[in-house]
PDB file of N, CA and C in Angstrom:
ATOM      1  N   UNK A   1       0.809  -1.179   0.008  1.00  0.00           N
ATOM      2  CA  UNK A   1       0.004   0.003   0.001  1.00  0.00           C
ATOM      3  C   UNK A   1       0.868   1.278  -0.013  1.00  0.00           C
ATOM      4  N   UNK A   2       1.978   1.179   0.645  1.00  0.00           N
ATOM      5  CA  UNK A   2       2.880   2.334   0.692  1.00  0.00           C
ATOM      6  C   UNK A   2       3.486   2.625  -0.669  1.00  0.00           C
ATOM      7  N   UNK A   3       3.789   1.618  -1.445  1.00  0.00           N
ATOM      8  CA  UNK A   3       4.393   1.803  -2.755  1.00  0.00           C
ATOM      9  C   UNK A   3       3.404   2.472  -3.692  1.00  0.00           C
ATOM     10  N   UNK A   4       2.163   2.076  -3.678  1.00  0.00           N
ATOM     11  CA  UNK A   4       1.167   2.706  -4.550  1.00  0.00           C
ATOM     12  C   UNK A   4       0.881   4.135  -4.166  1.00  0.00           C
ATOM     13  N   UNK A   5       1.107   4.489  -2.924  1.00  0.00           N
ATOM     14  CA  UNK A   5       0.904   5.872  -2.495  1.00  0.00           C
ATOM     15  C   UNK A   5       1.950   6.794  -3.111  1.00  0.00           C
ATOM     16  N   UNK A   6       3.105   6.262  -3.446  1.00  0.00           N
ATOM     17  CA  UNK A   6       4.144   7.075  -4.080  1.00  0.00           C
ATOM     18  C   UNK A   6       4.115   6.991  -5.609  1.00  0.00           C
ATOM     19  N   UNK A   7       3.604   5.904  -6.157  1.00  0.00           N
ATOM     20  CA  UNK A   7       3.636   5.696  -7.602  1.00  0.00           C
ATOM     21  C   UNK A   7       2.697   6.658  -8.319  1.00  0.00           C
ATOM     22  N   UNK A   8       1.462   6.797  -7.857  1.00  0.00           N
ATOM     23  CA  UNK A   8       0.496   7.647  -8.546  1.00  0.00           C
ATOM     24  C   UNK A   8       0.903   9.118  -8.543  1.00  0.00           C
ATOM     25  N   UNK A   9       1.350   9.671  -7.434  1.00  0.00           N
ATOM     26  CA  UNK A   9       1.811  11.072  -7.496  1.00  0.00           C
ATOM     27  C   UNK A   9       3.034  11.273  -8.401  1.00  0.00           C
ATOM     28  N   UNK A  10       3.919  10.268  -8.402  1.00  0.00           N
ATOM     29  CA  UNK A  10       5.097  10.367  -9.265  1.00  0.00           C
ATOM     30  C   UNK A  10       4.691  10.296 -10.743  1.00  0.00           C
ATOM     31  N   UNK A  11       3.760   9.418 -11.076  1.00  0.00           N
ATOM     32  CA  UNK A  11       3.257   9.334 -12.443  1.00  0.00           C
ATOM     33  C   UNK A  11       2.562  10.633 -12.858  1.00  0.00           C
ATOM     34  N   UNK A  12       1.766  11.184 -11.964  1.00  0.00           N
ATOM     35  CA  UNK A  12       1.078  12.440 -12.263  1.00  0.00           C
ATOM     36  C   UNK A  12       2.094  13.569 -12.430  1.00  0.00           C
ATOM     37  N   UNK A  13       3.101  13.586 -11.590  1.00  0.00           N
ATOM     38  CA  UNK A  13       4.147  14.627 -11.689  1.00  0.00           C
ATOM     39  C   UNK A  13       4.949  14.447 -12.992  1.00  0.00           C
ATOM     40  N   UNK A  14       5.248  13.224 -13.361  1.00  0.00           N
ATOM     41  CA  UNK A  14       5.955  12.959 -14.625  1.00  0.00           C
ATOM     42  C   UNK A  14       5.129  13.353 -15.828  1.00  0.00           C
ATOM     43  N   UNK A  15       3.843  13.020 -15.809  1.00  0.00           N
ATOM     44  CA  UNK A  15       2.962  13.400 -16.922  1.00  0.00           C
ATOM     45  C   UNK A  15       2.828  14.899 -17.020  1.00  0.00           C
ATOM     46  N   UNK A  16       2.700  15.565 -15.871  1.00  0.00           N
ATOM     47  CA  UNK A  16       2.628  17.041 -15.870  1.00  0.00           C
ATOM     48  C   UNK A  16       3.887  17.676 -16.400  1.00  0.00           C
ATOM     49  N   UNK A  17       5.038  17.127 -16.008  1.00  0.00           N
ATOM     50  CA  UNK A  17       6.320  17.641 -16.507  1.00  0.00           C
ATOM     51  C   UNK A  17       6.459  17.433 -18.000  1.00  0.00           C
ATOM     52  N   UNK A  18       6.023  16.273 -18.472  1.00  0.00           N
ATOM     53  CA  UNK A  18       6.084  15.972 -19.896  1.00  0.00           C
ATOM     54  C   UNK A  18       5.261  16.977 -20.704  1.00  0.00           C
ATOM     55  N   UNK A  19       4.005  17.222 -20.251  1.00  0.00           N
ATOM     56  CA  UNK A  19       3.150  18.131 -20.968  1.00  0.00           C
ATOM     57  C   UNK A  19       3.627  19.588 -20.848  1.00  0.00           C
ATOM     58  N   UNK A  20       4.204  19.943 -19.706  1.00  0.00           N
ATOM     59  CA  UNK A  20       4.735  21.308 -19.518  1.00  0.00           C
ATOM     60  C   UNK A  20       5.934  21.539 -20.462  1.00  0.00           C
ATOM     61  N   UNK A  21       6.788  20.525 -20.570  1.00  0.00           N
ATOM     62  CA  UNK A  21       7.951  20.652 -21.458  1.00  0.00           C
ATOM     63  C   UNK A  21       7.502  20.859 -22.905  1.00  0.00           C
ATOM     64  N   UNK A  22       6.547  20.036 -23.350  1.00  0.00           N
ATOM     65  CA  UNK A  22       6.082  20.125 -24.721  1.00  0.00           C
ATOM     66  C   UNK A  22       5.223  21.360 -24.963  1.00  0.00           C
ATOM     67  N   UNK A  23       4.580  21.876 -23.931  1.00  0.00           N
ATOM     68  CA  UNK A  23       3.853  23.130 -24.047  1.00  0.00           C
ATOM     69  C   UNK A  23       4.818  24.271 -24.404  1.00  0.00           C
ATOM     70  N   UNK A  24       5.986  24.210 -23.856  1.00  0.00           N
ATOM     71  CA  UNK A  24       6.973  25.274 -24.083  1.00  0.00           C
ATOM     72  C   UNK A  24       7.778  25.045 -25.366  1.00  0.00           C
ATOM     73  N   UNK A  25       8.304  23.842 -25.602  1.00  0.00           N
ATOM     74  CA  UNK A  25       9.238  23.623 -26.692  1.00  0.00           C
ATOM     75  C   UNK A  25       8.724  22.752 -27.800  1.00  0.00           C
ATOM     76  N   UNK A  26       7.489  22.339 -27.772  1.00  0.00           N
ATOM     77  CA  UNK A  26       6.960  21.438 -28.802  1.00  0.00           C
ATOM     78  C   UNK A  26       6.750  22.134 -30.134  1.00  0.00           C
ATOM     79  N   UNK A  27       6.350  21.349 -31.139  1.00  0.00           N
ATOM     80  CA  UNK A  27       6.112  21.887 -32.489  1.00  0.00           C
ATOM     81  C   UNK A  27       5.010  22.929 -32.507  1.00  0.00           C
ATOM     82  N   UNK A  28       4.060  22.823 -31.619  1.00  0.00           N
ATOM     83  CA  UNK A  28       2.962  23.783 -31.542  1.00  0.00           C
ATOM     84  C   UNK A  28       2.979  24.523 -30.208  1.00  0.00           C
ATOM     85  N   UNK A  29       4.127  24.598 -29.576  1.00  0.00           N
ATOM     86  CA  UNK A  29       4.243  25.202 -28.263  1.00  0.00           C
ATOM     87  C   UNK A  29       4.438  26.709 -28.299  1.00  0.00           C
ATOM     88  N   UNK A  30       4.744  27.265 -27.118  1.00  0.00           N
ATOM     89  CA  UNK A  30       4.894  28.713 -26.986  1.00  0.00           C
ATOM     90  C   UNK A  30       6.101  29.248 -27.756  1.00  0.00           C
ATOM     91  N   UNK A  31       7.175  28.488 -27.770  1.00  0.00           N
ATOM     92  CA  UNK A  31       8.382  28.928 -28.485  1.00  0.00           C
ATOM     93  C   UNK A  31       8.118  28.947 -29.998  1.00  0.00           C
ATOM     94  N   UNK A  32       7.418  27.935 -30.505  1.00  0.00           N
ATOM     95  CA  UNK A  32       7.100  27.890 -31.935  1.00  0.00           C
ATOM     96  C   UNK A  32       6.167  29.040 -32.306  1.00  0.00           C
ATOM     97  N   UNK A  33       5.262  29.371 -31.419  1.00  0.00           N
ATOM     98  CA  UNK A  33       4.345  30.487 -31.688  1.00  0.00           C
ATOM     99  C   UNK A  33       5.112  31.800 -31.759  1.00  0.00           C
ATOM    100  N   UNK A  34       6.063  32.005 -30.842  1.00  0.00           N
ATOM    101  CA  UNK A  34       6.863  33.237 -30.867  1.00  0.00           C
ATOM    102  C   UNK A  34       7.681  33.313 -32.169  1.00  0.00           C
ATOM    103  N   UNK A  35       8.217  32.182 -32.618  1.00  0.00           N
ATOM    104  CA  UNK A  35       8.962  32.175 -33.888  1.00  0.00           C
ATOM    105  C   UNK A  35       8.037  32.520 -35.059  1.00  0.00           C
ATOM    106  N   UNK A  36       6.825  31.991 -35.048  1.00  0.00           N
ATOM    107  CA  UNK A  36       5.870  32.297 -36.111  1.00  0.00           C
ATOM    108  C   UNK A  36       5.480  33.774 -36.099  1.00  0.00           C
ATOM    109  N   UNK A  37       5.355  34.371 -34.931  1.00  0.00           N
ATOM    110  CA  UNK A  37       5.011  35.787 -34.837  1.00  0.00           C
ATOM    111  C   UNK A  37       6.133  36.659 -35.426  1.00  0.00           C
ATOM    112  N   UNK A  38       7.371  36.293 -35.115  1.00  0.00           N
ATOM    113  CA  UNK A  38       8.514  37.057 -35.676  1.00  0.00           C
ATOM    114  C   UNK A  38       8.559  36.901 -37.203  1.00  0.00           C
ATOM    115  N   UNK A  39       8.313  35.705 -37.692  1.00  0.00           N
ATOM    116  CA  UNK A  39       8.314  35.492 -39.142  1.00  0.00           C
ATOM    117  C   UNK A  39       7.169  36.249 -39.790  1.00  0.00           C
ATOM    118  N   UNK A  40       6.038  36.302 -39.112  1.00  0.00           N
ATOM    119  CA  UNK A  40       4.885  37.051 -39.623  1.00  0.00           C
ATOM    120  C   UNK A  40       5.220  38.511 -39.791  1.00  0.00           C
ATOM    121  N   UNK A  41       5.883  39.096 -38.814  1.00  0.00           N
ATOM    122  CA  UNK A  41       6.262  40.520 -38.899  1.00  0.00           C
ATOM    123  C   UNK A  41       7.196  40.766 -40.065  1.00  0.00           C
ATOM    124  N   UNK A  42       8.166  39.878 -40.268  1.00  0.00           N
ATOM    125  CA  UNK A  42       9.119  40.035 -41.378  1.00  0.00           C
ATOM    126  C   UNK A  42       8.373  39.950 -42.715  1.00  0.00           C
ATOM    127  N   UNK A  43       7.495  38.950 -42.831  1.00  0.00           N
ATOM    128  CA  UNK A  43       6.767  38.772 -44.088  1.00  0.00           C
ATOM    129  C   UNK A  43       5.796  39.914 -44.340  1.00  0.00           C
ATOM    130  N   UNK A  44       5.198  40.487 -43.293  1.00  0.00           N
ATOM    131  CA  UNK A  44       4.315  41.641 -43.492  1.00  0.00           C
ATOM    132  C   UNK A  44       5.092  42.835 -44.016  1.00  0.00           C
ATOM    133  N   UNK A  45       6.342  43.021 -43.539  1.00  0.00           N
ATOM    134  CA  UNK A  45       7.191  44.084 -44.055  1.00  0.00           C
ATOM    135  C   UNK A  45       7.526  43.871 -45.524  1.00  0.00           C
ATOM    136  N   UNK A  46       7.847  42.634 -45.881  1.00  0.00           N
ATOM    137  CA  UNK A  46       8.120  42.323 -47.286  1.00  0.00           C
ATOM    138  C   UNK A  46       6.896  42.552 -48.147  1.00  0.00           C
ATOM    139  N   UNK A  47       5.724  42.160 -47.629  1.00  0.00           N
ATOM    140  CA  UNK A  47       4.486  42.326 -48.371  1.00  0.00           C
ATOM    141  C   UNK A  47       4.193  43.812 -48.619  1.00  0.00           C
ATOM    142  N   UNK A  48       4.443  44.657 -47.634  1.00  0.00           N
ATOM    143  CA  UNK A  48       4.214  46.084 -47.806  1.00  0.00           C
ATOM    144  C   UNK A  48       5.142  46.637 -48.909  1.00  0.00           C
ATOM    145  N   UNK A  49       6.393  46.210 -48.914  1.00  0.00           N
ATOM    146  CA  UNK A  49       7.324  46.650 -49.951  1.00  0.00           C
ATOM    147  C   UNK A  49       6.892  46.177 -51.331  1.00  0.00           C
ATOM    148  N   UNK A  50       6.451  44.919 -51.407  1.00  0.00           N
ATOM    149  CA  UNK A  50       6.008  44.399 -52.700  1.00  0.00           C
ATOM    150  C   UNK A  50       4.731  45.095 -53.195  1.00  0.00           C
ATOM    151  N   UNK A  51       3.850  45.447 -52.279  1.00  0.00           N
ATOM    152  CA  UNK A  51       2.639  46.180 -52.681  1.00  0.00           C
ATOM    153  C   UNK A  51       3.004  47.550 -53.243  1.00  0.00           C
ATOM    154  N   UNK A  52       4.006  48.199 -52.639  1.00  0.00           N
ATOM    155  CA  UNK A  52       4.455  49.500 -53.135  1.00  0.00           C
ATOM    156  C   UNK A  52       5.020  49.367 -54.540  1.00  0.00           C
ATOM    157  N   UNK A  53       5.846  48.340 -54.750  1.00  0.00           N
ATOM    158  CA  UNK A  53       6.409  48.106 -56.079  1.00  0.00           C
ATOM    159  C   UNK A  53       5.300  47.802 -57.084  1.00  0.00           C
ATOM    160  N   UNK A  54       4.331  46.988 -56.678  1.00  0.00           N
ATOM    161  CA  UNK A  54       3.223  46.657 -57.578  1.00  0.00           C
ATOM    162  C   UNK A  54       2.455  47.921 -57.965  1.00  0.00           C
ATOM    163  N   UNK A  55       2.195  48.803 -57.007  1.00  0.00           N
ATOM    164  CA  UNK A  55       1.487  50.049 -57.290  1.00  0.00           C
ATOM    165  C   UNK A  55       2.263  50.909 -58.280  1.00  0.00           C
ATOM    166  N   UNK A  56       3.574  50.985 -58.108  1.00  0.00           N
ATOM    167  CA  UNK A  56       4.419  51.782 -59.006  1.00  0.00           C
ATOM    168  C   UNK A  56       4.402  51.195 -60.427  1.00  0.00           C
ATOM    169  N   UNK A  57       4.485  49.869 -60.526  1.00  0.00           N
ATOM    170  CA  UNK A  57       4.486  49.236 -61.833  1.00  0.00           C
ATOM    171  C   UNK A  57       3.120  49.395 -62.508  1.00  0.00           C
ATOM    172  N   UNK A  58       2.041  49.256 -61.723  1.00  0.00           N
ATOM    173  CA  UNK A  58       0.700  49.461 -62.310  1.00  0.00           C
ATOM    174  C   UNK A  58       0.517  50.877 -62.818  1.00  0.00           C
ATOM    175  N   UNK A  59       1.078  51.866 -62.106  1.00  0.00           N
ATOM    176  CA  UNK A  59       1.004  53.242 -62.570  1.00  0.00           C
ATOM    177  C   UNK A  59       1.757  53.442 -63.869  1.00  0.00           C
ATOM    178  N   UNK A  60       2.961  52.854 -63.942  1.00  0.00           N
ATOM    179  CA  UNK A  60       3.742  52.974 -65.163  1.00  0.00           C
ATOM    180  C   UNK A  60       3.075  52.290 -66.346  1.00  0.00           C
ATOM    181  N   UNK A  61       2.481  51.121 -66.075  1.00  0.00           N
ATOM    182  CA  UNK A  61       1.782  50.397 -67.163  1.00  0.00           C
ATOM    183  C   UNK A  61       0.572  51.184 -67.615  1.00  0.00           C
ATOM    184  N   UNK A  62      -0.151  51.804 -66.682  1.00  0.00           N
ATOM    185  CA  UNK A  62      -1.330  52.606 -67.051  1.00  0.00           C
ATOM    186  C   UNK A  62      -0.919  53.774 -67.944  1.00  0.00           C
ATOM    187  N   UNK A  63       0.256  54.317 -67.731  1.00  0.00           N
ATOM    188  CA  UNK A  63       0.711  55.420 -68.572  1.00  0.00           C
ATOM    189  C   UNK A  63       1.098  54.961 -69.979  1.00  0.00           C
ATOM    190  N   UNK A  64       1.361  53.674 -70.129  1.00  0.00           N
ATOM    191  CA  UNK A  64       1.751  53.136 -71.455  1.00  0.00           C
ATOM    192  C   UNK A  64       0.582  52.503 -72.221  1.00  0.00           C
ATOM    193  N   UNK A  65      -0.613  52.483 -71.648  1.00  0.00           N
ATOM    194  CA  UNK A  65      -1.778  51.918 -72.340  1.00  0.00           C
ATOM    195  C   UNK A  65      -2.164  52.821 -73.513  1.00  0.00           C
ATOM    196  N   UNK A  66      -2.661  52.229 -74.594  1.00  0.00           N
ATOM    197  CA  UNK A  66      -2.982  53.024 -75.785  1.00  0.00           C
ATOM    198  C   UNK A  66      -4.033  54.105 -75.533  1.00  0.00           C
ATOM    199  N   UNK A  67      -4.989  53.860 -74.663  1.00  0.00           N
ATOM    200  CA  UNK A  67      -6.029  54.876 -74.431  1.00  0.00           C
ATOM    201  C   UNK A  67      -5.527  56.047 -73.572  1.00  0.00           C
ATOM    202  N   UNK A  68      -4.450  55.846 -72.842  1.00  0.00           N
ATOM    203  CA  UNK A  68      -3.911  56.943 -72.040  1.00  0.00           C
ATOM    204  C   UNK A  68      -2.393  57.014 -72.185  1.00  0.00           C
ATOM    205  N   UNK A  69      -1.907  56.947 -73.416  1.00  0.00           N
ATOM    206  CA  UNK A  69      -0.488  56.924 -73.681  1.00  0.00           C
ATOM    207  C   UNK A  69       0.132  58.282 -73.358  1.00  0.00           C
ATOM    208  N   UNK A  70       1.106  58.259 -72.495  1.00  0.00           N
ATOM    209  CA  UNK A  70       1.817  59.490 -72.152  1.00  0.00           C
ATOM    210  C   UNK A  70       3.101  59.525 -72.999  1.00  0.00           C
ATOM    211  N   UNK A  71       3.218  60.523 -73.891  1.00  0.00           N
ATOM    212  CA  UNK A  71       4.393  60.565 -74.785  1.00  0.00           C
ATOM    213  C   UNK A  71       5.717  60.689 -74.028  1.00  0.00           C
ATOM    214  N   UNK A  72       5.692  61.408 -72.918  1.00  0.00           N
ATOM    215  CA  UNK A  72       6.928  61.544 -72.160  1.00  0.00           C
ATOM    216  C   UNK A  72       7.377  60.211 -71.557  1.00  0.00           C
ATOM    217  N   UNK A  73       6.394  59.445 -71.062  1.00  0.00           N
ATOM    218  CA  UNK A  73       6.716  58.136 -70.496  1.00  0.00           C
ATOM    219  C   UNK A  73       7.222  57.196 -71.582  1.00  0.00           C
ATOM    220  N   UNK A  74       6.603  57.220 -72.756  1.00  0.00           N
ATOM    221  CA  UNK A  74       7.050  56.377 -73.854  1.00  0.00           C
ATOM    222  C   UNK A  74       8.460  56.750 -74.283  1.00  0.00           C
ATOM    223  N   UNK A  75       8.733  58.038 -74.387  1.00  0.00           N
ATOM    224  CA  UNK A  75      10.067  58.532 -74.771  1.00  0.00           C
ATOM    225  C   UNK A  75      11.105  58.123 -73.725  1.00  0.00           C
ATOM    226  N   UNK A  76      10.752  58.285 -72.442  1.00  0.00           N
ATOM    227  CA  UNK A  76      11.671  57.928 -71.371  1.00  0.00           C
ATOM    228  C   UNK A  76      12.024  56.450 -71.396  1.00  0.00           C
ATOM    229  N   UNK A  77      11.028  55.594 -71.526  1.00  0.00           N
ATOM    230  CA  UNK A  77      11.262  54.151 -71.538  1.00  0.00           C
ATOM    231  C   UNK A  77      12.075  53.733 -72.766  1.00  0.00           C
ATOM    232  N   UNK A  78      11.763  54.311 -73.932  1.00  0.00           N
ATOM    233  CA  UNK A  78      12.490  53.969 -75.160  1.00  0.00           C
ATOM    234  C   UNK A  78      13.960  54.365 -75.029  1.00  0.00           C
ATOM    235  N   UNK A  79      14.224  55.539 -74.498  1.00  0.00           N
ATOM    236  CA  UNK A  79      15.624  55.973 -74.341  1.00  0.00           C
ATOM    237  C   UNK A  79      16.375  55.134 -73.339  1.00  0.00           C
ATOM    238  N   UNK A  80      15.691  54.755 -72.265  1.00  0.00           N
ATOM    239  CA  UNK A  80      16.340  53.929 -71.247  1.00  0.00           C
ATOM    240  C   UNK A  80      16.657  52.547 -71.789  1.00  0.00           C
ATOM    241  N   UNK A  81      15.725  51.952 -72.514  1.00  0.00           N
ATOM    242  CA  UNK A  81      15.933  50.611 -73.042  1.00  0.00           C
ATOM    243  C   UNK A  81      16.982  50.608 -74.143  1.00  0.00           C
ATOM    244  N   UNK A  82      16.939  51.598 -75.058  1.00  0.00           N
ATOM    245  CA  UNK A  82      17.872  51.631 -76.188  1.00  0.00           C
ATOM    246  C   UNK A  82      19.200  52.301 -75.852  1.00  0.00           C
ATOM    247  N   UNK A  83      19.252  52.993 -74.693  1.00  0.00           N
ATOM    248  CA  UNK A  83      20.450  53.693 -74.244  1.00  0.00           C
ATOM    249  C   UNK A  83      20.857  54.749 -75.290  1.00  0.00           C
ATOM    250  N   UNK A  84      19.866  55.521 -75.720  1.00  0.00           N
ATOM    251  CA  UNK A  84      20.104  56.552 -76.720  1.00  0.00           C
ATOM    252  C   UNK A  84      19.662  57.899 -76.162  1.00  0.00           C
ATOM    253  N   UNK A  85      20.094  58.969 -76.818  1.00  0.00           N
ATOM    254  CA  UNK A  85      19.689  60.314 -76.464  1.00  0.00           C
ATOM    255  C   UNK A  85      19.343  61.096 -77.736  1.00  0.00           C
ATOM    256  N   UNK A  86      18.510  62.080 -77.595  1.00  0.00           N
ATOM    257  CA  UNK A  86      18.128  62.943 -78.697  1.00  0.00           C
ATOM    258  C   UNK A  86      19.286  63.880 -78.997  1.00  0.00           C
ATOM    259  N   UNK A  87      19.494  64.275 -80.261  1.00  0.00           N
ATOM    260  CA  UNK A  87      20.615  65.179 -80.576  1.00  0.00           C
ATOM    261  C   UNK A  87      20.517  66.533 -79.862  1.00  0.00           C
ATOM    262  N   UNK A  88      19.333  66.992 -79.515  1.00  0.00           N
ATOM    263  CA  UNK A  88      19.199  68.268 -78.846  1.00  0.00           C
ATOM    264  C   UNK A  88      19.307  68.166 -77.322  1.00  0.00           C
ATOM    265  N   UNK A  89      19.453  66.967 -76.787  1.00  0.00           N
ATOM    266  CA  UNK A  89      19.550  66.786 -75.336  1.00  0.00           C
ATOM    267  C   UNK A  89      20.904  67.260 -74.843  1.00  0.00           C
ATOM    268  N   UNK A  90      20.876  67.823 -73.639  1.00  0.00           N
ATOM    269  CA  UNK A  90      22.100  68.220 -72.957  1.00  0.00           C
ATOM    270  C   UNK A  90      22.472  67.076 -72.011  1.00  0.00           C
ATOM    271  N   UNK A  91      23.658  66.542 -72.205  1.00  0.00           N
ATOM    272  CA  UNK A  91      24.084  65.403 -71.388  1.00  0.00           C
ATOM    273  C   UNK A  91      25.230  65.868 -70.497  1.00  0.00           C
ATOM    274  N   UNK A  92      25.073  65.610 -69.200  1.00  0.00           N
ATOM    275  CA  UNK A  92      26.105  65.946 -68.229  1.00  0.00           C
ATOM    276  C   UNK A  92      26.802  64.671 -67.798  1.00  0.00           C
ATOM    277  N   UNK A  93      28.121  64.680 -67.870  1.00  0.00           N
ATOM    278  CA  UNK A  93      28.886  63.526 -67.449  1.00  0.00           C
ATOM    279  C   UNK A  93      29.534  63.838 -66.116  1.00  0.00           C
ATOM    280  N   UNK A  94      29.486  62.879 -65.215  1.00  0.00           N
ATOM    281  CA  UNK A  94      30.145  63.089 -63.923  1.00  0.00           C
ATOM    282  C   UNK A  94      31.606  62.750 -64.052  1.00  0.00           C
ATOM    283  N   UNK A  95      32.433  63.610 -63.489  1.00  0.00           N
ATOM    284  CA  UNK A  95      33.871  63.383 -63.540  1.00  0.00           C
ATOM    285  C   UNK A  95      34.241  62.494 -62.361  1.00  0.00           C
ATOM    286  N   UNK A  96      34.988  61.467 -62.651  1.00  0.00           N
ATOM    287  CA  UNK A  96      35.445  60.568 -61.588  1.00  0.00           C
ATOM    288  C   UNK A  96      36.756  61.109 -61.043  1.00  0.00           C
ATOM    289  N   UNK A  97      36.807  61.194 -59.740  1.00  0.00           N
ATOM    290  CA  UNK A  97      38.036  61.669 -59.089  1.00  0.00           C
ATOM    291  C   UNK A  97      38.931  60.474 -58.802  1.00  0.00           C
ATOM    292  N   UNK A  98      40.211  60.664 -59.052  1.00  0.00           N
ATOM    293  CA  UNK A  98      41.160  59.602 -58.789  1.00  0.00           C
ATOM    294  C   UNK A  98      41.325  59.414 -57.296  1.00  0.00           C
ATOM    295  N   UNK A  99      41.626  58.200 -56.901  1.00  0.00           N
ATOM    296  CA  UNK A  99      41.847  57.930 -55.493  1.00  0.00           C
ATOM    297  C   UNK A  99      43.094  58.667 -55.025  1.00  0.00           C
ATOM    298  N   UNK A 100      43.114  59.159 -53.787  1.00  0.00           N
ATOM    299  CA  UNK A 100      44.258  59.935 -53.300  1.00  0.00           C
ATOM    300  C   UNK A 100      45.561  59.144 -53.387  1.00  0.00           C
ATOM    301  N   UNK A 101      45.546  57.867 -53.157  1.00  0.00           N
ATOM    302  CA  UNK A 101      46.777  57.061 -53.202  1.00  0.00           C
ATOM    303  C   UNK A 101      47.242  56.856 -54.626  1.00  0.00           C
ATOM    304  N   UNK A 102      46.356  56.895 -55.574  1.00  0.00           N
ATOM    305  CA  UNK A 102      46.716  56.633 -56.987  1.00  0.00           C
ATOM    306  C   UNK A 102      47.608  57.760 -57.518  1.00  0.00           C
ATOM    307  N   UNK A 103      47.392  59.012 -57.108  1.00  0.00           N
ATOM    308  CA  UNK A 103      48.227  60.118 -57.612  1.00  0.00           C
ATOM    309  C   UNK A 103      49.611  60.081 -57.019  1.00  0.00           C
ATOM    310  N   UNK A 104      49.753  59.588 -55.816  1.00  0.00           N
ATOM    311  CA  UNK A 104      51.064  59.512 -55.204  1.00  0.00           C
ATOM    312  C   UNK A 104      51.883  58.366 -55.786  1.00  0.00           C
ATOM    313  N   UNK A 105      51.192  57.336 -56.223  1.00  0.00           N
ATOM    314  CA  UNK A 105      51.897  56.145 -56.699  1.00  0.00           C
ATOM    315  C   UNK A 105      52.455  56.323 -58.124  1.00  0.00           C
ATOM    316  N   UNK A 106      52.073  57.391 -58.808  1.00  0.00           N
ATOM    317  CA  UNK A 106      52.570  57.590 -60.190  1.00  0.00           C
ATOM    318  C   UNK A 106      54.059  57.923 -60.134  1.00  0.00           C
ATOM    319  N   UNK A 107      54.825  57.298 -61.012  1.00  0.00           N
ATOM    320  CA  UNK A 107      56.276  57.594 -61.022  1.00  0.00           C
ATOM    321  C   UNK A 107      56.558  58.970 -61.610  1.00  0.00           C
ATOM    322  N   UNK A 108      57.521  59.658 -61.074  1.00  0.00           N
ATOM    323  CA  UNK A 108      57.896  60.991 -61.596  1.00  0.00           C
ATOM    324  C   UNK A 108      58.875  60.800 -62.748  1.00  0.00           C
ATOM    325  N   UNK A 109      58.731  61.663 -63.759  1.00  0.00           N
ATOM    326  CA  UNK A 109      59.582  61.575 -64.951  1.00  0.00           C
ATOM    327  C   UNK A 109      60.533  62.734 -65.002  1.00  0.00           C
TER     328      UNK A 109
END
């Protein structure tokens, strides 16, 4: 009778410990839920960025539709794709500055 008095509480304590452990670290436990919440926040940020890109692309496509063709948009896209410029365009070239060490390394003549 004494042995059974200790067995049932130990079994109940073991079962409780087992379920408590898996409540915290199991596949559907509290830790997994926290990981899913963090992933959800990251994906929502990505989704917001993709929606912004989609809106921008839809706007550009709407400007290129035949019923609302914007000549400036068509000209801009054609020049960008073909890498050409109109003869009357003013083109500014950026001057590249040499690295400070490169001028010192040149041999004197």
